[in-house]
Amino acid sequence: MLPKARCPSAVSELTSEPAANRSLERNRLYWQCRRGMLELDALLLGFLDRRYDQLDDAGRAAFERLLSCPDPLLLDYLMARTIPIDKDVADVVNAIRSAVEP
């Protein structure tokens, strides 16, 4: 069984925002997805481009919590070496992994 781990909580600023603020949110998330590690950049930016808009508010908040994790833990989550304790974050991790699987 894989070990479970928790990343630090992030306060989500996501609410029902006007469309103009969605662009600002997207830009902020883009830069948070740029981690400087090729594998993480490819997974996170690919998910942001292809699937992020399909998330509901709870999924978007979970994605932000995921982005608050340190890179080594984030890589462990996305490579399925560790399972997030937070079920919503685990669901987002699975969505990211399925978005890039052939």
N, C-alpha and C. Protein backbone atom coordinates (compact mmCIF):
# COMPACT_ATOMS: atom_id res chain seq x y z
N MET A 1 0.84 -1.18 0.00
CA MET A 1 0.00 0.00 0.00
C MET A 1 0.89 1.24 0.00
N LEU A 2 0.47 2.25 -0.73
CA LEU A 2 1.24 3.48 -0.83
C LEU A 2 1.08 4.31 0.43
N PRO A 3 2.14 5.01 0.83
CA PRO A 3 2.02 5.89 1.99
C PRO A 3 1.13 7.08 1.67
N LYS A 4 0.47 7.60 2.70
CA LYS A 4 -0.37 8.78 2.53
C LYS A 4 0.35 9.97 3.11
N ALA A 5 0.17 11.12 2.48
CA ALA A 5 0.82 12.33 2.96
C ALA A 5 -0.09 13.51 2.72
N ARG A 6 0.13 14.55 3.49
CA ARG A 6 -0.68 15.76 3.39
C ARG A 6 0.24 16.92 3.06
N CYS A 7 -0.20 17.77 2.14
CA CYS A 7 0.56 18.98 1.85
C CYS A 7 -0.05 20.13 2.64
N PRO A 8 0.67 21.22 2.78
CA PRO A 8 0.17 22.35 3.56
C PRO A 8 -1.13 22.87 2.97
N SER A 9 -1.99 23.36 3.83
CA SER A 9 -3.26 23.93 3.38
C SER A 9 -3.02 25.29 2.76
N ALA A 10 -3.75 25.55 1.71
CA ALA A 10 -3.71 26.86 1.09
C ALA A 10 -5.10 27.46 1.19
N VAL A 11 -5.16 28.73 1.47
CA VAL A 11 -6.45 29.38 1.53
C VAL A 11 -6.87 29.66 0.11
N SER A 12 -8.00 29.10 -0.28
CA SER A 12 -8.48 29.28 -1.64
C SER A 12 -9.21 30.60 -1.76
N GLU A 13 -8.90 31.31 -2.83
CA GLU A 13 -9.57 32.56 -3.10
C GLU A 13 -10.69 32.35 -4.11
N LEU A 14 -10.99 31.10 -4.43
CA LEU A 14 -11.97 30.82 -5.46
C LEU A 14 -13.38 30.95 -4.92
N THR A 15 -14.15 31.73 -5.60
CA THR A 15 -15.58 31.84 -5.34
C THR A 15 -16.23 31.97 -6.70
N SER A 16 -17.47 32.32 -6.72
CA SER A 16 -18.12 32.58 -8.00
C SER A 16 -17.61 33.93 -8.50
N GLU A 17 -16.63 33.89 -9.38
CA GLU A 17 -15.98 35.10 -9.85
C GLU A 17 -16.52 35.51 -11.21
N PRO A 18 -16.50 36.80 -11.51
CA PRO A 18 -16.85 37.24 -12.86
C PRO A 18 -15.82 36.72 -13.86
N ALA A 19 -16.22 36.66 -15.11
CA ALA A 19 -15.35 36.13 -16.16
C ALA A 19 -14.02 36.88 -16.26
N ALA A 20 -14.02 38.17 -16.01
CA ALA A 20 -12.78 38.95 -16.10
C ALA A 20 -11.75 38.46 -15.09
N ASN A 21 -12.21 38.07 -13.91
CA ASN A 21 -11.28 37.58 -12.89
C ASN A 21 -10.78 36.18 -13.20
N ARG A 22 -11.51 35.42 -14.02
CA ARG A 22 -11.07 34.08 -14.39
C ARG A 22 -9.75 34.14 -15.16
N SER A 23 -9.59 35.17 -15.96
CA SER A 23 -8.34 35.34 -16.71
C SER A 23 -7.17 35.59 -15.76
N LEU A 24 -7.41 36.43 -14.76
CA LEU A 24 -6.37 36.68 -13.76
C LEU A 24 -6.05 35.41 -12.98
N GLU A 25 -7.09 34.66 -12.64
CA GLU A 25 -6.89 33.40 -11.93
C GLU A 25 -6.06 32.44 -12.77
N ARG A 26 -6.39 32.37 -14.05
CA ARG A 26 -5.69 31.47 -14.96
C ARG A 26 -4.21 31.84 -15.05
N ASN A 27 -3.92 33.12 -15.16
CA ASN A 27 -2.52 33.58 -15.23
C ASN A 27 -1.77 33.24 -13.95
N ARG A 28 -2.41 33.46 -12.81
CA ARG A 28 -1.78 33.14 -11.53
C ARG A 28 -1.50 31.64 -11.43
N LEU A 29 -2.48 30.83 -11.83
CA LEU A 29 -2.29 29.38 -11.78
C LEU A 29 -1.20 28.93 -12.75
N TYR A 30 -1.14 29.57 -13.91
CA TYR A 30 -0.09 29.22 -14.88
C TYR A 30 1.28 29.35 -14.23
N TRP A 31 1.51 30.45 -13.53
CA TRP A 31 2.82 30.65 -12.92
C TRP A 31 3.03 29.74 -11.72
N GLN A 32 1.98 29.36 -11.03
CA GLN A 32 2.12 28.40 -9.93
C GLN A 32 2.42 27.00 -10.46
N CYS A 33 1.96 26.70 -11.67
CA CYS A 33 2.23 25.39 -12.28
C CYS A 33 3.65 25.28 -12.81
N ARG A 34 4.32 26.42 -13.04
CA ARG A 34 5.71 26.42 -13.50
C ARG A 34 6.58 26.12 -12.31
N ARG A 35 7.08 24.90 -12.23
CA ARG A 35 7.82 24.47 -11.05
C ARG A 35 9.32 24.40 -11.29
N GLY A 36 9.76 24.41 -12.52
CA GLY A 36 11.19 24.29 -12.80
C GLY A 36 11.66 22.86 -12.91
N MET A 37 10.74 21.93 -12.83
CA MET A 37 11.05 20.52 -13.02
C MET A 37 10.23 20.08 -14.23
N LEU A 38 10.88 19.62 -15.26
CA LEU A 38 10.22 19.33 -16.53
C LEU A 38 8.99 18.45 -16.37
N GLU A 39 9.10 17.41 -15.57
CA GLU A 39 7.98 16.48 -15.40
C GLU A 39 6.77 17.18 -14.79
N LEU A 40 7.01 17.97 -13.74
CA LEU A 40 5.91 18.68 -13.09
C LEU A 40 5.32 19.74 -14.01
N ASP A 41 6.19 20.47 -14.70
CA ASP A 41 5.69 21.49 -15.63
C ASP A 41 4.78 20.86 -16.69
N ALA A 42 5.21 19.76 -17.26
CA ALA A 42 4.43 19.11 -18.32
C ALA A 42 3.09 18.63 -17.80
N LEU A 43 3.08 17.99 -16.64
CA LEU A 43 1.84 17.47 -16.08
C LEU A 43 0.89 18.59 -15.67
N LEU A 44 1.39 19.55 -14.92
CA LEU A 44 0.53 20.59 -14.38
C LEU A 44 0.03 21.55 -15.45
N LEU A 45 0.93 21.98 -16.33
CA LEU A 45 0.52 22.92 -17.38
C LEU A 45 -0.40 22.23 -18.40
N GLY A 46 -0.13 20.95 -18.68
CA GLY A 46 -1.01 20.20 -19.57
C GLY A 46 -2.41 20.08 -18.99
N PHE A 47 -2.50 19.81 -17.70
CA PHE A 47 -3.80 19.72 -17.04
C PHE A 47 -4.49 21.08 -17.04
N LEU A 48 -3.75 22.12 -16.73
CA LEU A 48 -4.34 23.46 -16.72
C LEU A 48 -4.92 23.81 -18.08
N ASP A 49 -4.21 23.48 -19.14
CA ASP A 49 -4.69 23.78 -20.50
C ASP A 49 -5.86 22.92 -20.93
N ARG A 50 -5.83 21.63 -20.55
CA ARG A 50 -6.83 20.69 -21.10
C ARG A 50 -8.02 20.41 -20.21
N ARG A 51 -7.84 20.42 -18.90
CA ARG A 51 -8.92 19.93 -18.03
C ARG A 51 -9.35 20.85 -16.90
N TYR A 52 -8.55 21.85 -16.59
CA TYR A 52 -8.86 22.68 -15.43
C TYR A 52 -10.25 23.31 -15.52
N ASP A 53 -10.64 23.78 -16.68
CA ASP A 53 -11.92 24.46 -16.84
C ASP A 53 -13.11 23.53 -16.57
N GLN A 54 -12.89 22.24 -16.59
CA GLN A 54 -13.96 21.28 -16.33
C GLN A 54 -14.19 21.04 -14.84
N LEU A 55 -13.29 21.53 -13.99
CA LEU A 55 -13.42 21.34 -12.54
C LEU A 55 -14.50 22.24 -11.97
N ASP A 56 -15.19 21.73 -10.95
CA ASP A 56 -16.12 22.57 -10.21
C ASP A 56 -15.32 23.38 -9.18
N ASP A 57 -16.01 24.20 -8.39
CA ASP A 57 -15.30 25.05 -7.42
C ASP A 57 -14.51 24.23 -6.42
N ALA A 58 -15.06 23.10 -5.98
CA ALA A 58 -14.34 22.24 -5.02
C ALA A 58 -13.08 21.66 -5.67
N GLY A 59 -13.16 21.26 -6.92
CA GLY A 59 -12.01 20.74 -7.64
C GLY A 59 -10.94 21.80 -7.85
N ARG A 60 -11.38 23.02 -8.13
CA ARG A 60 -10.42 24.12 -8.31
C ARG A 60 -9.71 24.44 -6.99
N ALA A 61 -10.45 24.41 -5.91
CA ALA A 61 -9.84 24.65 -4.60
C ALA A 61 -8.84 23.54 -4.27
N ALA A 62 -9.18 22.30 -4.62
CA ALA A 62 -8.28 21.17 -4.39
C ALA A 62 -7.02 21.30 -5.24
N PHE A 63 -7.17 21.78 -6.48
CA PHE A 63 -6.01 21.99 -7.35
C PHE A 63 -5.08 23.03 -6.73
N GLU A 64 -5.64 24.09 -6.16
CA GLU A 64 -4.81 25.09 -5.49
C GLU A 64 -4.10 24.51 -4.28
N ARG A 65 -4.79 23.66 -3.52
CA ARG A 65 -4.13 23.01 -2.38
C ARG A 65 -2.99 22.12 -2.87
N LEU A 66 -3.21 21.44 -3.98
CA LEU A 66 -2.16 20.60 -4.56
C LEU A 66 -0.95 21.45 -4.93
N LEU A 67 -1.19 22.61 -5.52
CA LEU A 67 -0.08 23.48 -5.93
C LEU A 67 0.69 24.05 -4.74
N SER A 68 0.11 24.00 -3.54
CA SER A 68 0.81 24.49 -2.36
C SER A 68 1.81 23.46 -1.82
N CYS A 69 1.79 22.26 -2.37
CA CYS A 69 2.71 21.21 -1.91
C CYS A 69 4.13 21.48 -2.40
N PRO A 70 5.12 21.07 -1.62
CA PRO A 70 6.50 21.18 -2.10
C PRO A 70 6.72 20.23 -3.29
N ASP A 71 7.63 20.60 -4.15
CA ASP A 71 7.88 19.83 -5.38
C ASP A 71 8.12 18.33 -5.16
N PRO A 72 8.95 17.93 -4.20
CA PRO A 72 9.17 16.48 -4.04
C PRO A 72 7.88 15.72 -3.71
N LEU A 73 7.03 16.30 -2.85
CA LEU A 73 5.77 15.65 -2.51
C LEU A 73 4.82 15.66 -3.70
N LEU A 74 4.78 16.76 -4.41
CA LEU A 74 3.95 16.87 -5.60
C LEU A 74 4.35 15.82 -6.63
N LEU A 75 5.63 15.64 -6.84
CA LEU A 75 6.10 14.62 -7.77
C LEU A 75 5.71 13.22 -7.29
N ASP A 76 5.84 12.97 -5.99
CA ASP A 76 5.42 11.67 -5.45
C ASP A 76 3.94 11.42 -5.70
N TYR A 77 3.11 12.43 -5.52
CA TYR A 77 1.68 12.29 -5.79
C TYR A 77 1.44 11.95 -7.26
N LEU A 78 2.05 12.72 -8.14
CA LEU A 78 1.77 12.57 -9.57
C LEU A 78 2.39 11.32 -10.18
N MET A 79 3.44 10.79 -9.53
CA MET A 79 4.04 9.54 -9.99
C MET A 79 3.44 8.33 -9.26
N ALA A 80 2.42 8.58 -8.46
CA ALA A 80 1.69 7.53 -7.72
C ALA A 80 2.58 6.80 -6.72
N ARG A 81 3.53 7.51 -6.15
CA ARG A 81 4.37 6.93 -5.09
C ARG A 81 3.74 7.15 -3.72
N THR A 82 2.89 8.18 -3.62
CA THR A 82 2.23 8.55 -2.38
C THR A 82 0.81 8.99 -2.72
N ILE A 83 -0.11 8.73 -1.81
CA ILE A 83 -1.51 9.12 -2.01
C ILE A 83 -1.82 10.30 -1.09
N PRO A 84 -2.41 11.37 -1.63
CA PRO A 84 -2.79 12.48 -0.75
C PRO A 84 -3.85 12.05 0.26
N ILE A 85 -3.76 12.57 1.46
CA ILE A 85 -4.76 12.28 2.49
C ILE A 85 -6.08 12.94 2.14
N ASP A 86 -6.01 14.15 1.62
CA ASP A 86 -7.20 14.91 1.23
C ASP A 86 -7.83 14.25 0.01
N LYS A 87 -9.06 13.75 0.15
CA LYS A 87 -9.72 13.03 -0.93
C LYS A 87 -9.90 13.89 -2.17
N ASP A 88 -10.24 15.17 -1.99
CA ASP A 88 -10.42 16.06 -3.15
C ASP A 88 -9.11 16.26 -3.90
N VAL A 89 -8.02 16.40 -3.16
CA VAL A 89 -6.70 16.53 -3.80
C VAL A 89 -6.35 15.23 -4.52
N ALA A 90 -6.66 14.10 -3.89
CA ALA A 90 -6.41 12.80 -4.54
C ALA A 90 -7.19 12.67 -5.84
N ASP A 91 -8.43 13.17 -5.85
CA ASP A 91 -9.23 13.15 -7.08
C ASP A 91 -8.61 14.00 -8.18
N VAL A 92 -8.08 15.16 -7.79
CA VAL A 92 -7.42 16.03 -8.77
C VAL A 92 -6.15 15.37 -9.29
N VAL A 93 -5.39 14.75 -8.41
CA VAL A 93 -4.17 14.03 -8.83
C VAL A 93 -4.54 12.96 -9.85
N ASN A 94 -5.59 12.21 -9.58
CA ASN A 94 -6.03 11.18 -10.54
C ASN A 94 -6.47 11.80 -11.86
N ALA A 95 -7.13 12.95 -11.79
CA ALA A 95 -7.55 13.63 -13.02
C ALA A 95 -6.33 14.09 -13.83
N ILE A 96 -5.31 14.60 -13.14
CA ILE A 96 -4.08 15.03 -13.83
C ILE A 96 -3.42 13.83 -14.48
N ARG A 97 -3.31 12.74 -13.74
CA ARG A 97 -2.66 11.54 -14.29
C ARG A 97 -3.44 10.99 -15.48
N SER A 98 -4.76 11.00 -15.40
CA SER A 98 -5.55 10.47 -16.52
C SER A 98 -5.55 11.41 -17.72
N ALA A 99 -5.32 12.70 -17.49
CA ALA A 99 -5.29 13.65 -18.59
C ALA A 99 -4.08 13.46 -19.47
N VAL A 100 -3.02 12.85 -18.95
CA VAL A 100 -1.79 12.69 -19.72
C VAL A 100 -1.53 11.25 -20.13
N GLU A 101 -2.33 10.31 -19.61
CA GLU A 101 -2.13 8.92 -19.99
C GLU A 101 -2.65 8.68 -21.40
N PRO A 102 -1.98 7.81 -22.16
CA PRO A 102 -2.40 7.57 -23.55
C PRO A 102 -3.75 6.87 -23.64
